Amino acid sequence: MSDQTKTCPECGADYTPRALSCADCHVALVWKRERPRPAQAGFGDPWAALPEGMAGLLVEDDQHAIEHYEDRLADAGIASAKLPVVRLHPAGYLEPEPDGSGTGFRTQLFAARDDYSQAERIVADAFARRNPSLAETPFQEFPEEGCPACGAALPENTAACPDCGLEFAVGDE
């Protein structure tokens, strides 16, 4: 499938999804798309692409995954809006929150209320295809009494999760 292929914007050579740059041109590869993306709303107004009314948060992920989900939604004719997750810099201004990969930022993807349930199914399917070894959905929930990081059962008054090592504040602190 072409949505699983990267291409060089300079020479047009095709590469596998894991490739990062063109061997000949040394430029960053882009995802190949059969269909062009819909025209983007004006810069600075990501909500302009959505119809009037309520919107719901579909998923928060790294910006590259969000672009992939956004493409799947565009293929289905569903408008979406993406916003960067920001944090307060010590100097007093907002900055995008890095995703930990060194190449992107945490981003949130929204869809209009009327399209939300269909958009949620499309994003869950795209997540499962991108992450076959993980849960079937990006919205994995753990029981309240379990570890918030991995879902493992916790003994009472434990200082750390026995499975993942997440440390907890214990006592009346």
Protein backbone atom coordinates (compact mmCIF):
# COMPACT_ATOMS: atom_id res chain seq x y z
CA MET A 1 0.00 0.00 0.00
CA SER A 2 1.27 3.46 -0.78
CA ASP A 3 0.37 4.81 2.69
CA GLN A 4 2.99 2.40 4.07
CA THR A 5 5.73 3.75 1.78
CA LYS A 6 8.00 6.77 2.08
CA THR A 7 9.25 8.73 -0.90
CA CYS A 8 12.00 11.25 -1.55
CA PRO A 9 10.54 14.71 -2.32
CA GLU A 10 13.56 15.50 -4.52
CA CYS A 11 14.03 12.45 -6.76
CA GLY A 12 10.80 10.49 -6.13
CA ALA A 13 12.53 7.26 -5.03
CA ASP A 14 10.42 4.92 -2.85
CA TYR A 15 11.62 3.61 0.52
CA THR A 16 10.39 1.39 3.34
CA PRO A 17 8.56 3.01 6.28
CA ARG A 18 11.64 2.73 8.53
CA ALA A 19 13.93 4.75 6.21
CA LEU A 20 14.59 8.32 7.32
CA SER A 21 16.48 9.99 4.46
CA CYS A 22 17.17 9.47 0.76
CA ALA A 23 20.42 7.61 0.05
CA ASP A 24 21.06 9.74 -3.06
CA CYS A 25 19.72 13.20 -2.16
CA HIS A 26 20.25 13.08 1.64
CA VAL A 27 16.90 14.79 2.32
CA ALA A 28 14.20 13.69 4.76
CA LEU A 29 11.64 11.28 3.33
CA VAL A 30 7.90 11.94 3.39
CA TRP A 31 4.96 9.51 3.50
CA LYS A 32 3.65 8.72 0.05
CA ARG A 33 -0.04 9.52 -0.36
CA GLU A 34 -2.37 8.36 -3.11
CA ARG A 35 -4.72 11.24 -2.42
CA PRO A 36 -3.60 14.77 -1.73
CA ARG A 37 -4.43 16.19 1.67
CA PRO A 38 -7.35 18.59 1.81
CA ALA A 39 -6.42 22.25 1.76
CA GLN A 40 -5.22 23.33 5.17
CA ALA A 41 -6.95 26.08 7.08
CA GLY A 42 -5.17 29.38 7.53
CA PHE A 43 -2.01 29.29 9.62
CA GLY A 44 -2.71 29.91 13.27
CA ASP A 45 -6.32 28.69 13.18
CA PRO A 46 -6.41 24.89 13.28
CA TRP A 47 -10.10 24.94 14.23
CA ALA A 48 -11.11 26.50 10.90
CA ALA A 49 -11.05 23.03 9.25
CA LEU A 50 -13.78 21.76 11.59
CA PRO A 51 -17.48 22.54 11.23
CA GLU A 52 -19.04 24.82 13.83
CA GLY A 53 -19.86 23.19 17.16
CA MET A 54 -18.30 20.88 19.69
CA ALA A 55 -15.08 18.96 19.02
CA GLY A 56 -13.61 16.04 20.92
CA LEU A 57 -10.05 14.91 21.58
CA LEU A 58 -9.35 11.73 19.60
CA VAL A 59 -5.77 11.01 20.59
CA GLU A 60 -2.52 12.54 21.83
CA ASP A 61 0.63 11.13 20.24
CA ASP A 62 3.85 12.21 18.52
CA GLN A 63 3.36 14.56 15.57
CA HIS A 64 4.34 11.92 12.99
CA ALA A 65 1.69 9.49 14.22
CA ILE A 66 -0.87 12.32 14.33
CA GLU A 67 -0.12 13.16 10.68
CA HIS A 68 -0.69 9.48 9.82
CA TYR A 69 -4.05 9.47 11.67
CA GLU A 70 -4.95 12.79 10.05
CA ASP A 71 -4.33 11.25 6.61
CA ARG A 72 -6.55 8.26 7.42
CA LEU A 73 -9.33 10.64 8.52
CA ALA A 74 -8.91 12.74 5.36
CA ASP A 75 -9.19 9.54 3.28
CA ALA A 76 -12.58 8.96 4.95
CA GLY A 77 -13.63 12.58 4.40
CA ILE A 78 -13.51 13.51 8.09
CA ALA A 79 -12.19 16.95 8.97
CA SER A 80 -9.78 17.14 11.90
CA ALA A 81 -7.73 19.70 13.79
CA LYS A 82 -4.36 19.20 15.46
CA LEU A 83 -2.78 21.25 18.20
CA PRO A 84 0.65 20.93 19.79
CA VAL A 85 0.85 20.06 23.47
CA VAL A 86 2.62 23.00 25.12
CA ARG A 87 4.41 23.56 28.40
CA LEU A 88 5.51 26.68 30.24
CA HIS A 89 9.20 27.46 29.75
CA PRO A 90 11.01 28.80 32.85
CA ALA A 91 11.50 32.10 30.98
CA GLY A 92 7.71 32.53 30.93
CA TYR A 93 6.66 31.56 27.41
CA LEU A 94 4.90 28.49 26.01
CA GLU A 95 6.87 25.94 24.00
CA PRO A 96 5.88 22.68 22.28
CA GLU A 97 6.45 19.59 24.40
CA PRO A 98 9.00 17.20 22.81
CA ASP A 99 7.80 13.64 22.18
CA GLY A 100 11.04 12.04 23.39
CA SER A 101 12.24 10.92 19.95
CA GLY A 102 14.28 14.04 19.31
CA THR A 103 12.45 14.64 16.01
CA GLY A 104 8.96 15.76 16.95
CA PHE A 105 6.49 17.11 19.47
CA ARG A 106 3.45 15.81 21.36
CA THR A 107 0.33 16.70 19.41
CA GLN A 108 -3.42 16.32 19.98
CA LEU A 109 -5.92 15.42 17.25
CA PHE A 110 -9.53 16.58 17.42
CA ALA A 111 -12.66 15.76 15.40
CA ALA A 112 -16.12 17.31 15.26
CA ARG A 113 -18.79 15.82 17.50
CA ASP A 114 -20.87 14.54 14.57
CA ASP A 115 -17.91 12.60 13.13
CA TYR A 116 -16.36 11.58 16.44
CA SER A 117 -17.42 7.92 16.70
CA GLN A 118 -16.36 7.12 13.12
CA ALA A 119 -13.11 9.08 13.59
CA GLU A 120 -12.39 7.22 16.83
CA ARG A 121 -12.74 3.85 15.03
CA ILE A 122 -10.44 5.00 12.20
CA VAL A 123 -7.77 6.23 14.64
CA ALA A 124 -7.98 3.02 16.70
CA ASP A 125 -7.55 0.95 13.52
CA ALA A 126 -4.62 3.09 12.35
CA PHE A 127 -3.04 2.82 15.81
CA ALA A 128 -3.36 -0.98 15.73
CA ARG A 129 -1.74 -1.11 12.28
CA ARG A 130 1.15 1.14 13.35
CA ASN A 131 1.61 -0.65 16.68
CA PRO A 132 0.73 -4.34 16.20
CA SER A 133 2.49 -5.40 19.41
CA LEU A 134 0.51 -2.97 21.59
CA ALA A 135 -3.10 -2.98 22.70
CA GLU A 136 -5.77 -2.68 20.03
CA THR A 137 -6.52 0.89 21.02
CA PRO A 138 -4.52 3.96 22.04
CA PHE A 139 -7.01 4.43 24.90
CA GLN A 140 -6.00 1.52 27.14
CA GLU A 141 -7.54 1.96 30.56
CA PHE A 142 -6.35 0.23 33.71
CA PRO A 143 -8.44 -0.58 36.79
CA GLU A 144 -8.41 2.08 39.50
CA GLU A 145 -6.76 -0.24 42.02
CA GLY A 146 -3.94 -1.19 39.62
CA CYS A 147 -0.71 0.55 38.68
CA PRO A 148 -1.49 3.66 36.59
CA ALA A 149 1.50 2.94 34.33
CA CYS A 150 1.16 -0.77 33.56
CA GLY A 151 -2.13 -1.96 35.14
CA ALA A 152 -0.50 -4.57 37.41
CA ALA A 153 -2.21 -5.48 40.68
CA LEU A 154 -0.66 -3.63 43.63
CA PRO A 155 -0.30 -4.84 47.21
CA GLU A 156 -1.61 -2.41 49.83
CA ASN A 157 0.71 0.45 50.90
CA THR A 158 3.41 -0.43 48.39
CA ALA A 159 6.16 2.07 47.61
CA ALA A 160 6.68 0.90 44.01
CA CYS A 161 4.99 -1.23 41.36
CA PRO A 162 6.43 -4.77 41.41
CA ASP A 163 6.12 -5.04 37.60
CA CYS A 164 7.29 -1.72 36.13
CA GLY A 165 9.01 -0.08 39.13
CA LEU A 166 6.87 3.09 39.18
CA GLU A 167 7.36 4.69 42.62
CA PHE A 168 4.43 6.00 44.67
CA ALA A 169 4.15 8.51 47.49
CA VAL A 170 3.16 6.52 50.59
CA GLY A 171 1.68 7.90 53.78
CA ASP A 172 0.24 11.31 54.65
CA GLU A 173 2.65 13.37 52.55
